Amino acid sequence: MSIKLIAVDMDGTFLSDAKIYNRERFLAQYQRMKQQGIRFVVASGNQYYQLISFFPEIAHEIAFVAENGGWVVDAQEDVFNCSLSKAHFKAVVEHLQTLTDIEIIACGKSSAYTLKQYDEAFKAIAARYYHRLEEVDNFDNLDDTFLKFGLNVPDTLVPQMQQLLHTALGDMMTAVTTGHGSIDLIIPGVHKANGLRILQARWGIDDSDVVAFGDSGNDIEMLRQAGFSFAMSNASEVVKAVARFEAPLNNDEGVLGIIDKVLNREAPFN
């Protein structure tokens, strides 16, 4: 057995709740990964420009499956991006704007876009996840390639909203949960597993040689696909039911603990 790829979700998985990680420990691990020929992939629902900010030392040489699989970048080279048709973009926006209790972020390749009318608290939070974020009067006539939508929803309404969105938009978009009060609308079939599949084909890596970590609904396809799938101890029960293994809490550097086992060829990697 030879592990050739490690893929990590970020929020609730690789990052602590304080949105940090043990950089010194990880960078030492990363050097050992390179020595052992193991690829490292960041697979997140977040914006590419935000994700690279977490890895300034190595962003130029690792791969990113950003925007829930909507945009795949390998060592700064564009490998894949989806593109929502203008007709579907318009139809989705029109439906979303009939709903109450949500704020909308349209996620483009050049930037993300949200409405000026939303309250400042929401926009401040959104800016943490979207390092390129433009405030616009409306979503008409935006000139960009659109990858997905991010929706801010009250926690208590997430299950209900997910079902409503599936019923209304299921032929155009898939609604996936990404964590507390957040739903992403992605193009059907364009998810993290698809992004990993593209990279694996590029590198000649089988599913059986992949280790993947996640905690939320948008990680399920990736965890089903990976030979060694780890749900975080803080993951939802739905995610734990899909994964083959469980990693310690994100706040306890759970991912880094399992990476040590990979590098040292300890169980279950021996």
C-alpha atoms as a PDB file:
ATOM      1  CA  MET A   1       0.000   0.000   0.000  1.00  0.00           C
ATOM      2  CA  SER A   2       1.270   3.441  -0.910  1.00  0.00           C
ATOM      3  CA  ILE A   3      -0.635   6.635  -0.125  1.00  0.00           C
ATOM      4  CA  LYS A   4      -0.148   9.104  -2.969  1.00  0.00           C
ATOM      5  CA  LEU A   5      -2.639  11.891  -2.222  1.00  0.00           C
ATOM      6  CA  ILE A   6      -3.958  13.603   0.911  1.00  0.00           C
ATOM      7  CA  ALA A   7      -7.024  15.834   0.462  1.00  0.00           C
ATOM      8  CA  VAL A   8      -8.301  18.098   3.221  1.00  0.00           C
ATOM      9  CA  ASP A   9     -11.407  20.155   3.719  1.00  0.00           C
ATOM     10  CA  MET A  10     -10.615  23.386   5.548  1.00  0.00           C
ATOM     11  CA  ASP A  11     -13.326  24.772   7.875  1.00  0.00           C
ATOM     12  CA  GLY A  12     -14.109  22.360  10.682  1.00  0.00           C
ATOM     13  CA  THR A  13     -11.461  19.948   9.414  1.00  0.00           C
ATOM     14  CA  PHE A  14      -7.925  21.178   8.751  1.00  0.00           C
ATOM     15  CA  LEU A  15      -8.556  24.497  10.503  1.00  0.00           C
ATOM     16  CA  SER A  16      -9.446  24.929  14.147  1.00  0.00           C
ATOM     17  CA  ASP A  17     -12.589  26.850  15.047  1.00  0.00           C
ATOM     18  CA  ALA A  18     -10.288  29.885  15.343  1.00  0.00           C
ATOM     19  CA  LYS A  19      -9.502  29.410  11.602  1.00  0.00           C
ATOM     20  CA  ILE A  20      -5.833  28.589  12.200  1.00  0.00           C
ATOM     21  CA  TYR A  21      -3.598  25.505  12.015  1.00  0.00           C
ATOM     22  CA  ASN A  22      -0.220  24.482  13.408  1.00  0.00           C
ATOM     23  CA  ARG A  23       1.814  25.837  10.520  1.00  0.00           C
ATOM     24  CA  GLU A  24       5.213  24.708  11.801  1.00  0.00           C
ATOM     25  CA  ARG A  25       4.048  21.158  12.339  1.00  0.00           C
ATOM     26  CA  PHE A  26       2.290  20.963   8.983  1.00  0.00           C
ATOM     27  CA  LEU A  27       5.143  22.443   6.935  1.00  0.00           C
ATOM     28  CA  ALA A  28       7.498  19.850   8.414  1.00  0.00           C
ATOM     29  CA  GLN A  29       4.986  17.168   7.443  1.00  0.00           C
ATOM     30  CA  TYR A  30       4.677  18.629   3.970  1.00  0.00           C
ATOM     31  CA  GLN A  31       8.404  18.273   3.371  1.00  0.00           C
ATOM     32  CA  ARG A  32       8.109  14.603   4.320  1.00  0.00           C
ATOM     33  CA  MET A  33       5.103  14.243   1.995  1.00  0.00           C
ATOM     34  CA  LYS A  34       7.203  15.541  -0.876  1.00  0.00           C
ATOM     35  CA  GLN A  35       9.993  13.126  -0.027  1.00  0.00           C
ATOM     36  CA  GLN A  36       7.500  10.246  -0.082  1.00  0.00           C
ATOM     37  CA  GLY A  37       5.835  11.397  -3.313  1.00  0.00           C
ATOM     38  CA  ILE A  38       2.513  12.280  -1.661  1.00  0.00           C
ATOM     39  CA  ARG A  39       0.434  15.063  -3.236  1.00  0.00           C
ATOM     40  CA  PHE A  40      -1.393  17.533  -0.988  1.00  0.00           C
ATOM     41  CA  VAL A  41      -4.756  18.924  -2.107  1.00  0.00           C
ATOM     42  CA  VAL A  42      -6.931  21.551  -0.431  1.00  0.00           C
ATOM     43  CA  ALA A  43     -10.569  20.676  -1.185  1.00  0.00           C
ATOM     44  CA  SER A  44     -12.932  23.360   0.074  1.00  0.00           C
ATOM     45  CA  GLY A  45     -16.132  25.199  -0.673  1.00  0.00           C
ATOM     46  CA  ASN A  46     -14.222  28.433  -0.196  1.00  0.00           C
ATOM     47  CA  GLN A  47     -12.871  30.836  -2.769  1.00  0.00           C
ATOM     48  CA  TYR A  48      -9.485  30.077  -4.343  1.00  0.00           C
ATOM     49  CA  TYR A  49      -8.120  33.506  -3.404  1.00  0.00           C
ATOM     50  CA  GLN A  50      -8.969  32.859   0.245  1.00  0.00           C
ATOM     51  CA  LEU A  51      -7.533  29.357   0.256  1.00  0.00           C
ATOM     52  CA  ILE A  52      -4.105  30.332  -1.069  1.00  0.00           C
ATOM     53  CA  SER A  53      -3.791  32.852   1.782  1.00  0.00           C
ATOM     54  CA  PHE A  54      -3.527  29.942   4.244  1.00  0.00           C
ATOM     55  CA  PHE A  55      -0.518  28.458   2.453  1.00  0.00           C
ATOM     56  CA  PRO A  56       1.761  31.339   1.381  1.00  0.00           C
ATOM     57  CA  GLU A  57       4.882  29.168   1.509  1.00  0.00           C
ATOM     58  CA  ILE A  58       3.584  26.386  -0.768  1.00  0.00           C
ATOM     59  CA  ALA A  59       0.494  27.664  -2.628  1.00  0.00           C
ATOM     60  CA  HIS A  60       2.542  27.844  -5.830  1.00  0.00           C
ATOM     61  CA  GLU A  61       3.187  24.080  -5.831  1.00  0.00           C
ATOM     62  CA  ILE A  62       0.117  22.406  -4.292  1.00  0.00           C
ATOM     63  CA  ALA A  63      -3.342  21.833  -5.769  1.00  0.00           C
ATOM     64  CA  PHE A  64      -6.688  23.339  -4.858  1.00  0.00           C
ATOM     65  CA  VAL A  65     -10.192  22.042  -5.436  1.00  0.00           C
ATOM     66  CA  ALA A  66     -11.923  25.337  -4.683  1.00  0.00           C
ATOM     67  CA  GLU A  67     -15.566  26.437  -4.759  1.00  0.00           C
ATOM     68  CA  ASN A  68     -16.743  22.881  -3.924  1.00  0.00           C
ATOM     69  CA  GLY A  69     -15.109  21.511  -7.062  1.00  0.00           C
ATOM     70  CA  GLY A  70     -16.074  24.400  -9.304  1.00  0.00           C
ATOM     71  CA  TRP A  71     -12.475  25.448  -9.884  1.00  0.00           C
ATOM     72  CA  VAL A  72      -9.421  23.155  -9.857  1.00  0.00           C
ATOM     73  CA  VAL A  73      -5.891  24.585  -9.829  1.00  0.00           C
ATOM     74  CA  ASP A  74      -2.639  22.596  -9.826  1.00  0.00           C
ATOM     75  CA  ALA A  75       0.557  24.510  -9.006  1.00  0.00           C
ATOM     76  CA  GLN A  76      -1.063  27.773 -10.186  1.00  0.00           C
ATOM     77  CA  GLU A  77      -2.227  26.176 -13.444  1.00  0.00           C
ATOM     78  CA  ASP A  78      -5.945  26.165 -14.208  1.00  0.00           C
ATOM     79  CA  VAL A  79      -7.004  22.566 -14.707  1.00  0.00           C
ATOM     80  CA  PHE A  80     -10.798  22.890 -14.696  1.00  0.00           C
ATOM     81  CA  ASN A  81     -13.623  25.263 -13.987  1.00  0.00           C
ATOM     82  CA  CYS A  82     -17.336  24.823 -14.428  1.00  0.00           C
ATOM     83  CA  SER A  83     -19.527  27.529 -15.886  1.00  0.00           C
ATOM     84  CA  LEU A  84     -23.154  28.153 -15.015  1.00  0.00           C
ATOM     85  CA  SER A  85     -25.114  29.153 -18.105  1.00  0.00           C
ATOM     86  CA  LYS A  86     -26.549  32.676 -18.200  1.00  0.00           C
ATOM     87  CA  ALA A  87     -30.063  31.276 -18.410  1.00  0.00           C
ATOM     88  CA  HIS A  88     -29.571  29.120 -15.320  1.00  0.00           C
ATOM     89  CA  PHE A  89     -27.830  31.952 -13.452  1.00  0.00           C
ATOM     90  CA  LYS A  90     -30.794  34.235 -14.126  1.00  0.00           C
ATOM     91  CA  ALA A  91     -33.367  31.597 -13.162  1.00  0.00           C
ATOM     92  CA  VAL A  92     -31.563  30.743  -9.912  1.00  0.00           C
ATOM     93  CA  VAL A  93     -31.202  34.394  -8.888  1.00  0.00           C
ATOM     94  CA  GLU A  94     -34.853  35.088  -9.630  1.00  0.00           C
ATOM     95  CA  HIS A  95     -35.912  32.188  -7.429  1.00  0.00           C
ATOM     96  CA  LEU A  96     -33.523  33.002  -4.581  1.00  0.00           C
ATOM     97  CA  GLN A  97     -34.782  36.551  -4.428  1.00  0.00           C
ATOM     98  CA  THR A  98     -38.293  35.277  -3.692  1.00  0.00           C
ATOM     99  CA  LEU A  99     -37.016  33.692  -0.465  1.00  0.00           C
ATOM    100  CA  THR A 100     -36.720  35.391   2.897  1.00  0.00           C
ATOM    101  CA  ASP A 101     -34.070  34.821   5.570  1.00  0.00           C
ATOM    102  CA  ILE A 102     -31.176  34.313   3.169  1.00  0.00           C
ATOM    103  CA  GLU A 103     -28.287  36.383   1.840  1.00  0.00           C
ATOM    104  CA  ILE A 104     -26.823  35.499  -1.542  1.00  0.00           C
ATOM    105  CA  ILE A 105     -23.244  35.405  -2.781  1.00  0.00           C
ATOM    106  CA  ALA A 106     -22.769  34.742  -6.495  1.00  0.00           C
ATOM    107  CA  CYS A 107     -19.373  33.078  -6.818  1.00  0.00           C
ATOM    108  CA  GLY A 108     -17.501  34.001  -9.972  1.00  0.00           C
ATOM    109  CA  LYS A 109     -14.030  33.131 -11.147  1.00  0.00           C
ATOM    110  CA  SER A 110     -12.822  36.727 -11.006  1.00  0.00           C
ATOM    111  CA  SER A 111     -14.719  37.712  -7.874  1.00  0.00           C
ATOM    112  CA  ALA A 112     -17.683  36.932  -5.666  1.00  0.00           C
ATOM    113  CA  TYR A 113     -20.638  39.319  -5.636  1.00  0.00           C
ATOM    114  CA  THR A 114     -23.156  40.211  -2.969  1.00  0.00           C
ATOM    115  CA  LEU A 115     -25.765  42.938  -2.599  1.00  0.00           C
ATOM    116  CA  LYS A 116     -25.057  46.336  -1.109  1.00  0.00           C
ATOM    117  CA  GLN A 117     -28.416  46.197   0.693  1.00  0.00           C
ATOM    118  CA  TYR A 118     -27.329  43.378   3.035  1.00  0.00           C
ATOM    119  CA  ASP A 119     -26.312  44.288   6.565  1.00  0.00           C
ATOM    120  CA  GLU A 120     -22.697  45.076   7.371  1.00  0.00           C
ATOM    121  CA  ALA A 121     -22.319  42.181   9.823  1.00  0.00           C
ATOM    122  CA  PHE A 122     -23.046  39.660   7.075  1.00  0.00           C
ATOM    123  CA  LYS A 123     -20.711  41.373   4.619  1.00  0.00           C
ATOM    124  CA  ALA A 124     -17.906  41.406   7.209  1.00  0.00           C
ATOM    125  CA  ILE A 125     -18.265  37.648   7.724  1.00  0.00           C
ATOM    126  CA  ALA A 126     -18.487  37.021   3.981  1.00  0.00           C
ATOM    127  CA  ALA A 127     -15.253  38.918   3.402  1.00  0.00           C
ATOM    128  CA  ARG A 128     -13.418  36.391   5.595  1.00  0.00           C
ATOM    129  CA  TYR A 129     -14.310  33.627   3.163  1.00  0.00           C
ATOM    130  CA  TYR A 130     -14.239  35.626  -0.076  1.00  0.00           C
ATOM    131  CA  HIS A 131     -11.066  37.663  -0.385  1.00  0.00           C
ATOM    132  CA  ARG A 132     -12.407  39.052  -3.641  1.00  0.00           C
ATOM    133  CA  LEU A 133     -15.923  40.287  -2.902  1.00  0.00           C
ATOM    134  CA  GLU A 134     -17.741  43.059  -4.749  1.00  0.00           C
ATOM    135  CA  GLU A 135     -20.878  44.740  -3.488  1.00  0.00           C
ATOM    136  CA  VAL A 136     -23.403  45.343  -6.264  1.00  0.00           C
ATOM    137  CA  ASP A 137     -26.865  46.860  -6.550  1.00  0.00           C
ATOM    138  CA  ASN A 138     -28.229  43.714  -8.224  1.00  0.00           C
ATOM    139  CA  PHE A 139     -27.051  40.530  -9.939  1.00  0.00           C
ATOM    140  CA  ASP A 140     -27.932  41.724 -13.451  1.00  0.00           C
ATOM    141  CA  ASN A 141     -25.322  42.048 -16.197  1.00  0.00           C
ATOM    142  CA  LEU A 142     -22.360  40.728 -14.198  1.00  0.00           C
ATOM    143  CA  ASP A 143     -19.468  39.851 -16.489  1.00  0.00           C
ATOM    144  CA  ASP A 144     -17.860  36.745 -15.015  1.00  0.00           C
ATOM    145  CA  THR A 145     -17.775  32.953 -15.193  1.00  0.00           C
ATOM    146  CA  PHE A 146     -20.036  31.725 -12.390  1.00  0.00           C
ATOM    147  CA  LEU A 147     -19.136  28.582 -10.475  1.00  0.00           C
ATOM    148  CA  LYS A 148     -21.716  28.351  -7.680  1.00  0.00           C
ATOM    149  CA  PHE A 149     -23.821  30.313  -5.185  1.00  0.00           C
ATOM    150  CA  GLY A 150     -23.153  30.647  -1.471  1.00  0.00           C
ATOM    151  CA  LEU A 151     -26.180  31.217   0.747  1.00  0.00           C
ATOM    152  CA  ASN A 152     -26.253  32.464   4.318  1.00  0.00           C
ATOM    153  CA  VAL A 153     -29.177  30.833   6.131  1.00  0.00           C
ATOM    154  CA  PRO A 154     -30.176  30.779   9.819  1.00  0.00           C
ATOM    155  CA  ASP A 155     -28.933  27.498  11.335  1.00  0.00           C
ATOM    156  CA  THR A 156     -32.420  26.367  12.315  1.00  0.00           C
ATOM    157  CA  LEU A 157     -33.692  26.756   8.743  1.00  0.00           C
ATOM    158  CA  VAL A 158     -30.864  24.929   6.933  1.00  0.00           C
ATOM    159  CA  PRO A 159     -32.565  21.492   6.575  1.00  0.00           C
ATOM    160  CA  GLN A 160     -35.860  23.049   5.509  1.00  0.00           C
ATOM    161  CA  MET A 161     -34.164  25.447   3.092  1.00  0.00           C
ATOM    162  CA  GLN A 162     -32.043  22.679   1.590  1.00  0.00           C
ATOM    163  CA  GLN A 163     -35.174  20.685   0.792  1.00  0.00           C
ATOM    164  CA  LEU A 164     -36.999  23.705  -0.627  1.00  0.00           C
ATOM    165  CA  LEU A 165     -34.033  24.498  -2.881  1.00  0.00           C
ATOM    166  CA  HIS A 166     -33.808  20.890  -4.030  1.00  0.00           C
ATOM    167  CA  THR A 167     -37.491  20.914  -4.961  1.00  0.00           C
ATOM    168  CA  ALA A 168     -37.299  24.243  -6.811  1.00  0.00           C
ATOM    169  CA  LEU A 169     -33.873  24.043  -8.429  1.00  0.00           C
ATOM    170  CA  GLY A 170     -32.913  20.378  -8.412  1.00  0.00           C
ATOM    171  CA  ASP A 171     -32.670  20.130 -12.197  1.00  0.00           C
ATOM    172  CA  MET A 172     -30.200  23.049 -12.309  1.00  0.00           C
ATOM    173  CA  MET A 173     -28.369  23.113  -8.971  1.00  0.00           C
ATOM    174  CA  THR A 174     -27.603  20.824  -6.026  1.00  0.00           C
ATOM    175  CA  ALA A 175     -27.943  22.279  -2.516  1.00  0.00           C
ATOM    176  CA  VAL A 176     -25.209  21.085  -0.134  1.00  0.00           C
ATOM    177  CA  THR A 177     -24.504  22.088   3.449  1.00  0.00           C
ATOM    178  CA  THR A 178     -21.061  23.516   4.140  1.00  0.00           C
ATOM    179  CA  GLY A 179     -21.207  24.190   7.872  1.00  0.00           C
ATOM    180  CA  HIS A 180     -22.994  26.513  10.298  1.00  0.00           C
ATOM    181  CA  GLY A 181     -25.706  28.477   8.516  1.00  0.00           C
ATOM    182  CA  SER A 182     -24.323  27.954   5.055  1.00  0.00           C
ATOM    183  CA  ILE A 183     -25.625  26.244   1.917  1.00  0.00           C
ATOM    184  CA  ASP A 184     -23.858  26.093  -1.431  1.00  0.00           C
ATOM    185  CA  LEU A 185     -25.684  25.674  -4.724  1.00  0.00           C
ATOM    186  CA  ILE A 186     -23.417  23.725  -7.054  1.00  0.00           C
ATOM    187  CA  ILE A 187     -23.850  22.457 -10.597  1.00  0.00           C
ATOM    188  CA  PRO A 188     -24.939  18.790 -10.389  1.00  0.00           C
ATOM    189  CA  GLY A 189     -21.907  16.506 -10.561  1.00  0.00           C
ATOM    190  CA  VAL A 190     -19.482  19.353  -9.927  1.00  0.00           C
ATOM    191  CA  HIS A 191     -18.364  18.554  -6.393  1.00  0.00           C
ATOM    192  CA  LYS A 192     -15.132  17.911  -4.518  1.00  0.00           C
ATOM    193  CA  ALA A 193     -14.970  14.273  -5.619  1.00  0.00           C
ATOM    194  CA  ASN A 194     -15.133  15.334  -9.257  1.00  0.00           C
ATOM    195  CA  GLY A 195     -12.309  17.831  -8.706  1.00  0.00           C
ATOM    196  CA  LEU A 196     -10.181  15.151  -7.060  1.00  0.00           C
ATOM    197  CA  ARG A 197     -10.975  12.734  -9.877  1.00  0.00           C
ATOM    198  CA  ILE A 198      -9.636  15.250 -12.384  1.00  0.00           C
ATOM    199  CA  LEU A 199      -6.390  15.625 -10.432  1.00  0.00           C
ATOM    200  CA  GLN A 200      -6.057  11.884  -9.907  1.00  0.00           C
ATOM    201  CA  ALA A 201      -6.385  11.273 -13.658  1.00  0.00           C
ATOM    202  CA  ARG A 202      -3.748  13.947 -14.265  1.00  0.00           C
ATOM    203  CA  TRP A 203      -1.364  12.300 -11.807  1.00  0.00           C
ATOM    204  CA  GLY A 204      -2.264   8.627 -12.317  1.00  0.00           C
ATOM    205  CA  ILE A 205      -3.525   8.034  -8.775  1.00  0.00           C
ATOM    206  CA  ASP A 206      -6.153   5.420  -7.865  1.00  0.00           C
ATOM    207  CA  ASP A 207      -8.914   6.043  -5.309  1.00  0.00           C
ATOM    208  CA  SER A 208      -7.347   3.355  -3.110  1.00  0.00           C
ATOM    209  CA  ASP A 209      -4.240   5.550  -2.684  1.00  0.00           C
ATOM    210  CA  VAL A 210      -6.166   8.620  -1.486  1.00  0.00           C
ATOM    211  CA  VAL A 211      -6.703   9.856   2.086  1.00  0.00           C
ATOM    212  CA  ALA A 212      -9.495  12.439   2.479  1.00  0.00           C
ATOM    213  CA  PHE A 213     -10.770  14.397   5.479  1.00  0.00           C
ATOM    214  CA  GLY A 214     -14.085  16.210   5.936  1.00  0.00           C
ATOM    215  CA  ASP A 215     -16.839  17.214   8.345  1.00  0.00           C
ATOM    216  CA  SER A 216     -19.832  18.535   6.367  1.00  0.00           C
ATOM    217  CA  GLY A 217     -22.374  17.576   3.737  1.00  0.00           C
ATOM    218  CA  ASN A 218     -20.272  18.955   0.900  1.00  0.00           C
ATOM    219  CA  ASP A 219     -17.548  16.408   1.755  1.00  0.00           C
ATOM    220  CA  ILE A 220     -19.713  13.313   1.338  1.00  0.00           C
ATOM    221  CA  GLU A 221     -18.897  12.521  -2.311  1.00  0.00           C
ATOM    222  CA  MET A 222     -15.171  12.988  -1.657  1.00  0.00           C
ATOM    223  CA  LEU A 223     -15.284  10.705   1.387  1.00  0.00           C
ATOM    224  CA  ARG A 224     -17.208   8.036  -0.504  1.00  0.00           C
ATOM    225  CA  GLN A 225     -14.613   8.102  -3.279  1.00  0.00           C
ATOM    226  CA  ALA A 226     -11.393   8.020  -1.225  1.00  0.00           C
ATOM    227  CA  GLY A 227      -9.888   4.695  -0.208  1.00  0.00           C
ATOM    228  CA  PHE A 228      -9.120   6.105   3.241  1.00  0.00           C
ATOM    229  CA  SER A 229     -11.889   8.484   4.277  1.00  0.00           C
ATOM    230  CA  PHE A 230     -11.844  10.236   7.650  1.00  0.00           C
ATOM    231  CA  ALA A 231     -14.738  12.113   9.225  1.00  0.00           C
ATOM    232  CA  MET A 232     -13.666  14.481  11.970  1.00  0.00           C
ATOM    233  CA  SER A 233     -14.916  13.721  15.483  1.00  0.00           C
ATOM    234  CA  ASN A 234     -16.791  17.024  15.239  1.00  0.00           C
ATOM    235  CA  ALA A 235     -18.442  15.997  11.949  1.00  0.00           C
ATOM    236  CA  SER A 236     -22.166  15.541  11.522  1.00  0.00           C
ATOM    237  CA  GLU A 237     -23.526  12.012  11.979  1.00  0.00           C
ATOM    238  CA  VAL A 238     -24.438  11.875   8.286  1.00  0.00           C
ATOM    239  CA  VAL A 239     -20.796  12.427   7.375  1.00  0.00           C
ATOM    240  CA  LYS A 240     -19.528   9.927   9.953  1.00  0.00           C
ATOM    241  CA  ALA A 241     -21.841   7.312   8.447  1.00  0.00           C
ATOM    242  CA  VAL A 242     -20.127   7.700   5.072  1.00  0.00           C
ATOM    243  CA  ALA A 243     -16.477   7.748   6.179  1.00  0.00           C
ATOM    244  CA  ARG A 244     -14.505   4.566   6.885  1.00  0.00           C
ATOM    245  CA  PHE A 245     -12.540   6.089   9.771  1.00  0.00           C
ATOM    246  CA  GLU A 246     -12.773   8.887  12.326  1.00  0.00           C
ATOM    247  CA  ALA A 247     -10.105  11.525  13.022  1.00  0.00           C
ATOM    248  CA  PRO A 248      -9.735  13.477  16.280  1.00  0.00           C
ATOM    249  CA  LEU A 249     -11.349  16.905  16.652  1.00  0.00           C
ATOM    250  CA  ASN A 250     -10.349  19.729  14.331  1.00  0.00           C
ATOM    251  CA  ASN A 251      -9.435  21.743  17.439  1.00  0.00           C
ATOM    252  CA  ASP A 252      -7.019  18.972  18.469  1.00  0.00           C
ATOM    253  CA  GLU A 253      -5.076  18.980  15.167  1.00  0.00           C
ATOM    254  CA  GLY A 254      -6.872  15.792  14.179  1.00  0.00           C
ATOM    255  CA  VAL A 255      -5.840  15.934  10.526  1.00  0.00           C
ATOM    256  CA  LEU A 256      -2.170  16.441  11.392  1.00  0.00           C
ATOM    257  CA  GLY A 257      -2.319  13.489  13.768  1.00  0.00           C
ATOM    258  CA  ILE A 258      -3.542  11.207  10.988  1.00  0.00           C
ATOM    259  CA  ILE A 259      -0.986  12.626   8.532  1.00  0.00           C
ATOM    260  CA  ASP A 260       1.710  11.549  10.997  1.00  0.00           C
ATOM    261  CA  LYS A 261       0.312   8.015  10.784  1.00  0.00           C
ATOM    262  CA  VAL A 262       0.426   8.155   6.967  1.00  0.00           C
ATOM    263  CA  LEU A 263       4.042   9.347   6.962  1.00  0.00           C
ATOM    264  CA  ASN A 264       5.099   6.791   9.558  1.00  0.00           C
ATOM    265  CA  ARG A 265       3.137   3.989   7.860  1.00  0.00           C
ATOM    266  CA  GLU A 266       1.188   3.255  11.014  1.00  0.00           C
ATOM    267  CA  ALA A 267      -2.244   1.574  11.071  1.00  0.00           C
ATOM    268  CA  PRO A 268      -4.373   1.715   9.019  1.00  0.00           C
ATOM    269  CA  PHE A 269      -1.659   2.651   6.503  1.00  0.00           C
ATOM    270  CA  ASN A 270       0.784  -0.177   7.127  1.00  0.00           C
END
